[in-house]
Protein backbone atom coordinates (compact mmCIF):
# COMPACT_ATOMS: atom_id res chain seq x y z
CA GLY A 1 153.27 46.64 -40.14
CA MET A 2 150.53 46.66 -37.50
CA THR A 3 152.30 44.80 -34.73
CA GLN A 4 149.34 45.15 -32.35
CA VAL A 5 147.25 42.90 -34.63
CA LYS A 6 147.48 39.46 -33.00
CA ARG A 7 144.35 37.73 -34.23
CA VAL A 8 141.94 38.10 -37.13
CA THR A 9 138.81 36.25 -38.14
CA LEU A 10 138.46 35.83 -41.88
CA PRO A 11 134.90 35.31 -43.11
CA GLU A 12 133.72 32.31 -45.08
CA GLY A 13 133.35 33.50 -48.66
CA LEU A 14 136.76 35.18 -48.71
CA VAL A 15 138.62 33.94 -51.79
CA THR A 16 141.91 35.90 -51.78
CA ILE A 17 144.45 37.16 -49.29
CA ARG A 18 146.40 39.77 -51.21
CA ALA A 19 150.18 40.08 -51.39
CA GLY A 20 151.66 41.49 -48.20
CA ALA A 21 148.28 41.59 -46.45
CA PHE A 22 149.62 40.72 -43.00
CA LYS A 23 153.28 41.54 -43.60
CA GLY A 24 154.98 42.83 -40.47
CA SER A 25 151.96 42.26 -38.24
CA GLY A 26 151.94 40.72 -34.77
CA LEU A 27 149.72 37.88 -35.98
CA THR A 28 150.25 34.65 -34.02
CA GLU A 29 147.98 32.17 -35.89
CA LEU A 30 145.67 32.19 -38.86
CA ASP A 31 142.97 29.67 -39.77
CA ALA A 32 141.76 30.48 -43.28
CA PRO A 33 138.18 29.77 -44.38
CA HIS A 34 137.42 26.85 -46.71
CA SER A 35 136.45 29.31 -49.44
CA LEU A 36 140.01 30.65 -49.78
CA LEU A 37 141.47 30.08 -53.26
CA SER A 38 144.70 32.10 -53.25
CA VAL A 39 147.30 33.74 -51.05
CA GLY A 40 149.54 36.45 -52.49
CA ASP A 41 153.31 36.77 -52.24
CA GLU A 42 154.72 37.62 -48.80
CA ALA A 43 151.22 37.63 -47.27
CA PHE A 44 152.59 36.63 -43.84
CA ALA A 45 156.21 37.76 -44.19
CA ASP A 46 158.07 39.46 -41.34
CA CYS A 47 155.73 38.12 -38.64
CA PRO A 48 158.08 37.00 -35.86
CA ASP A 49 155.27 35.76 -33.56
CA LEU A 50 153.40 33.77 -36.22
CA THR A 51 153.45 30.05 -35.48
CA LYS A 52 150.82 28.52 -37.79
CA VAL A 53 148.88 29.27 -40.97
CA VAL A 54 146.10 26.78 -41.71
CA LEU A 55 144.95 26.72 -45.34
CA PRO A 56 142.28 24.62 -47.06
CA GLU A 57 143.56 21.65 -49.10
CA SER A 58 141.54 22.97 -52.03
CA ILE A 59 143.57 26.20 -52.29
CA PHE A 60 144.48 27.01 -55.89
CA LYS A 61 147.52 29.31 -55.52
CA VAL A 62 150.00 29.98 -52.73
CA GLY A 63 152.32 32.89 -53.51
CA GLU A 64 156.06 33.01 -53.13
CA GLN A 65 157.78 33.60 -49.82
CA ILE A 66 154.53 33.86 -47.87
CA LEU A 67 156.39 33.09 -44.63
CA GLN A 68 159.64 34.95 -45.37
CA ASN A 69 161.31 36.10 -42.12
CA SER A 70 158.60 34.41 -40.02
CA PRO A 71 160.93 31.85 -38.41
CA LEU A 72 158.40 30.03 -36.19
CA ALA A 73 155.66 29.70 -38.79
CA VAL A 74 154.50 26.53 -40.51
CA ILE A 75 151.74 25.90 -43.02
CA GLU A 76 149.15 23.22 -42.31
CA TYR A 77 146.40 22.10 -44.66
CA LYS A 78 142.86 21.17 -43.65
CA LYS A 79 140.18 19.20 -45.49
């Protein structure tokens, strides 16, 4: 619920984004590190300004409804 959070830098080596981690934030974009293996349920839900979440192609698990109520957001995958 931290709407003032617009941008974060996630470190290489991070393997999990927990459920609801950025829910309700003011996040606008997220480019996940190549080390990321899983994203929990509703991790980016309720983020009205979020436009793009970039995940590695090698990700193992993407939770349910990670973009719920984030109407502008899309998921892209990178090699």
